[in-house]
C-alpha atoms as a PDB file:
ATOM      1  CA  MET A   1     191.166  38.123 142.498  1.00  0.00           C
ATOM      2  CA  ILE A   2     188.693  36.436 140.059  1.00  0.00           C
ATOM      3  CA  VAL A   3     190.021  34.241 137.218  1.00  0.00           C
ATOM      4  CA  ASN A   4     188.796  35.566 133.933  1.00  0.00           C
ATOM      5  CA  ASP A   5     188.664  33.173 131.003  1.00  0.00           C
ATOM      6  CA  TYR A   6     191.635  31.315 130.321  1.00  0.00           C
ATOM      7  CA  TYR A   7     191.607  29.492 127.133  1.00  0.00           C
ATOM      8  CA  PHE A   8     193.619  26.069 126.507  1.00  0.00           C
ATOM      9  CA  ASN A   9     193.396  22.750 124.586  1.00  0.00           C
ATOM     10  CA  ASN A  10     195.134  20.094 126.807  1.00  0.00           C
ATOM     11  CA  GLU A  11     192.448  17.942 128.491  1.00  0.00           C
ATOM     12  CA  LYS A  12     194.886  16.849 131.039  1.00  0.00           C
ATOM     13  CA  ILE A  13     194.233  20.458 132.658  1.00  0.00           C
ATOM     14  CA  ALA A  14     190.465  19.877 132.276  1.00  0.00           C
ATOM     15  CA  ILE A  15     190.688  16.500 134.073  1.00  0.00           C
ATOM     16  CA  LEU A  16     192.906  18.185 136.647  1.00  0.00           C
ATOM     17  CA  ILE A  17     190.820  21.266 137.333  1.00  0.00           C
ATOM     18  CA  ASN A  18     187.831  19.342 137.619  1.00  0.00           C
ATOM     19  CA  ASP A  19     189.366  16.335 139.787  1.00  0.00           C
ATOM     20  CA  ILE A  20     189.978  18.784 142.735  1.00  0.00           C
ATOM     21  CA  ASN A  21     186.904  20.404 143.390  1.00  0.00           C
ATOM     22  CA  SER A  22     187.672  24.183 143.658  1.00  0.00           C
ATOM     23  CA  ASN A  23     186.510  27.451 142.610  1.00  0.00           C
ATOM     24  CA  LEU A  24     187.733  27.146 139.334  1.00  0.00           C
ATOM     25  CA  LYS A  25     185.563  25.377 136.826  1.00  0.00           C
ATOM     26  CA  VAL A  26     186.271  24.140 133.164  1.00  0.00           C
ATOM     27  CA  TYR A  27     183.921  24.946 130.334  1.00  0.00           C
ATOM     28  CA  LYS A  28     184.010  23.851 126.738  1.00  0.00           C
ATOM     29  CA  THR A  29     184.570  26.473 124.140  1.00  0.00           C
ATOM     30  CA  LYS A  30     181.683  27.232 121.679  1.00  0.00           C
ATOM     31  CA  ASP A  31     182.867  30.818 120.081  1.00  0.00           C
ATOM     32  CA  ASN A  32     186.983  30.201 120.146  1.00  0.00           C
ATOM     33  CA  PRO A  33     187.703  27.925 117.450  1.00  0.00           C
ATOM     34  CA  ASP A  34     191.478  27.661 118.128  1.00  0.00           C
ATOM     35  CA  PHE A  35     190.920  26.376 121.756  1.00  0.00           C
ATOM     36  CA  ASP A  36     188.627  23.504 123.066  1.00  0.00           C
ATOM     37  CA  TYR A  37     188.409  24.398 126.682  1.00  0.00           C
ATOM     38  CA  TYR A  38     188.893  27.305 129.083  1.00  0.00           C
ATOM     39  CA  PHE A  39     188.621  27.839 132.948  1.00  0.00           C
ATOM     40  CA  LYS A  40     187.211  30.593 135.260  1.00  0.00           C
ATOM     41  CA  SER A  41     186.359  31.367 138.480  1.00  0.00           C
ATOM     42  CA  GLN A  42     183.019  30.002 139.663  1.00  0.00           C
ATOM     43  CA  SER A  43     182.043  32.694 142.195  1.00  0.00           C
ATOM     44  CA  ALA A  44     182.621  36.264 143.024  1.00  0.00           C
ATOM     45  CA  GLY A  45     184.544  35.412 145.841  1.00  0.00           C
ATOM     46  CA  GLY A  46     187.716  34.528 143.657  1.00  0.00           C
ATOM     47  CA  ILE A  47     190.318  31.808 143.974  1.00  0.00           C
ATOM     48  CA  THR A  48     191.177  30.041 146.981  1.00  0.00           C
ATOM     49  CA  LEU A  49     194.388  29.142 148.255  1.00  0.00           C
ATOM     50  CA  GLN A  50     194.164  25.610 146.711  1.00  0.00           C
ATOM     51  CA  ASP A  51     193.452  27.207 143.493  1.00  0.00           C
ATOM     52  CA  MET A  52     196.640  29.469 143.765  1.00  0.00           C
ATOM     53  CA  TYR A  53     198.704  26.373 144.356  1.00  0.00           C
ATOM     54  CA  LEU A  54     197.361  24.770 141.734  1.00  0.00           C
ATOM     55  CA  LEU A  55     197.948  27.303 139.184  1.00  0.00           C
ATOM     56  CA  LYS A  56     201.391  27.721 140.464  1.00  0.00           C
ATOM     57  CA  ILE A  57     202.284  24.159 139.932  1.00  0.00           C
ATOM     58  CA  MET A  58     200.785  24.109 136.337  1.00  0.00           C
ATOM     59  CA  ASN A  59     202.888  27.236 136.088  1.00  0.00           C
ATOM     60  CA  ALA A  60     205.882  25.496 137.207  1.00  0.00           C
ATOM     61  CA  GLN A  61     205.537  22.486 135.124  1.00  0.00           C
ATOM     62  CA  LYS A  62     204.938  24.485 131.788  1.00  0.00           C
ATOM     63  CA  ILE A  63     201.628  23.537 131.880  1.00  0.00           C
ATOM     64  CA  ILE A  64     200.040  26.913 131.726  1.00  0.00           C
ATOM     65  CA  SER A  65     201.597  30.237 130.883  1.00  0.00           C
ATOM     66  CA  ASN A  66     202.756  32.829 133.449  1.00  0.00           C
ATOM     67  CA  ASN A  67     199.899  35.378 132.136  1.00  0.00           C
ATOM     68  CA  ILE A  68     196.420  34.774 133.482  1.00  0.00           C
ATOM     69  CA  SER A  69     193.797  37.609 133.015  1.00  0.00           C
ATOM     70  CA  ILE A  70     192.124  38.406 136.529  1.00  0.00           C
ATOM     71  CA  LYS A  71     189.197  40.747 137.152  1.00  0.00           C
ATOM     72  CA  ILE A  72     189.573  42.773 140.287  1.00  0.00           C
ATOM     73  CA  GLY A  73     186.450  42.485 142.262  1.00  0.00           C
ATOM     74  CA  PHE A  74     185.486  45.070 145.042  1.00  0.00           C
ATOM     75  CA  PRO A  75     184.222  43.617 148.419  1.00  0.00           C
ATOM     76  CA  PHE A  76     181.067  45.272 149.051  1.00  0.00           C
ATOM     77  CA  ALA A  77     180.589  44.356 152.920  1.00  0.00           C
ATOM     78  CA  PRO A  78     182.924  47.211 154.072  1.00  0.00           C
ATOM     79  CA  ALA A  79     180.964  49.688 152.030  1.00  0.00           C
ATOM     80  CA  ILE A  80     177.573  48.457 153.103  1.00  0.00           C
ATOM     81  CA  LEU A  81     178.860  48.230 156.813  1.00  0.00           C
ATOM     82  CA  ALA A  82     180.031  51.890 156.410  1.00  0.00           C
ATOM     83  CA  GLY A  83     176.706  53.195 154.937  1.00  0.00           C
ATOM     84  CA  PHE A  84     174.935  51.269 157.854  1.00  0.00           C
ATOM     85  CA  LEU A  85     177.057  52.935 160.632  1.00  0.00           C
ATOM     86  CA  ILE A  86     176.934  56.658 158.890  1.00  0.00           C
ATOM     87  CA  SER A  87     172.881  56.113 158.752  1.00  0.00           C
ATOM     88  CA  VAL A  88     172.848  55.106 162.377  1.00  0.00           C
ATOM     89  CA  ILE A  89     175.036  57.624 163.661  1.00  0.00           C
ATOM     90  CA  TYR A  90     173.427  60.325 161.442  1.00  0.00           C
ATOM     91  CA  GLY A  91     169.921  59.209 161.985  1.00  0.00           C
ATOM     92  CA  ASP A  92     170.383  59.424 165.973  1.00  0.00           C
ATOM     93  CA  LEU A  93     171.842  62.403 166.107  1.00  0.00           C
ATOM     94  CA  MET A  94     168.906  63.986 163.648  1.00  0.00           C
ATOM     95  CA  MET A  95     166.279  62.497 166.104  1.00  0.00           C
ATOM     96  CA  LEU A  96     168.465  64.303 169.051  1.00  0.00           C
ATOM     97  CA  PHE A  97     168.245  67.663 167.134  1.00  0.00           C
ATOM     98  CA  ILE A  98     164.621  67.338 166.291  1.00  0.00           C
ATOM     99  CA  LYS A  99     163.439  66.130 170.131  1.00  0.00           C
ATOM    100  CA  LYS A 100     165.489  69.096 171.289  1.00  0.00           C
ATOM    101  CA  PHE A 101     163.799  71.421 168.976  1.00  0.00           C
ATOM    102  CA  PHE A 102     160.766  70.296 169.785  1.00  0.00           C
ATOM    103  CA  LEU A 103     160.848  70.177 173.427  1.00  0.00           C
ATOM    104  CA  VAL A 104     161.946  74.148 173.221  1.00  0.00           C
ATOM    105  CA  MET A 105     158.777  75.367 171.437  1.00  0.00           C
END
């Protein structure tokens, strides 16, 4: 799960998230006049267990709301591995057929 922009005004949240060296990063808002800060995931790896616990604790203490917008990420490693295996197997089979075809002629 990748946390999309979560807007807030409380400076304590910004200090708390910045002090914990996690995958969440706090930014100052420039385009939204209603809020001062927002946080979002730093990388496409999503949030870590530490980030999840931090969000749950802040929610339990009513610092943030229950609803946080997330972006669903697709892991590319399985698709790349599947493509590689298909190309190796299919390529090797084609080489066997080509060798057999040319040896017969």
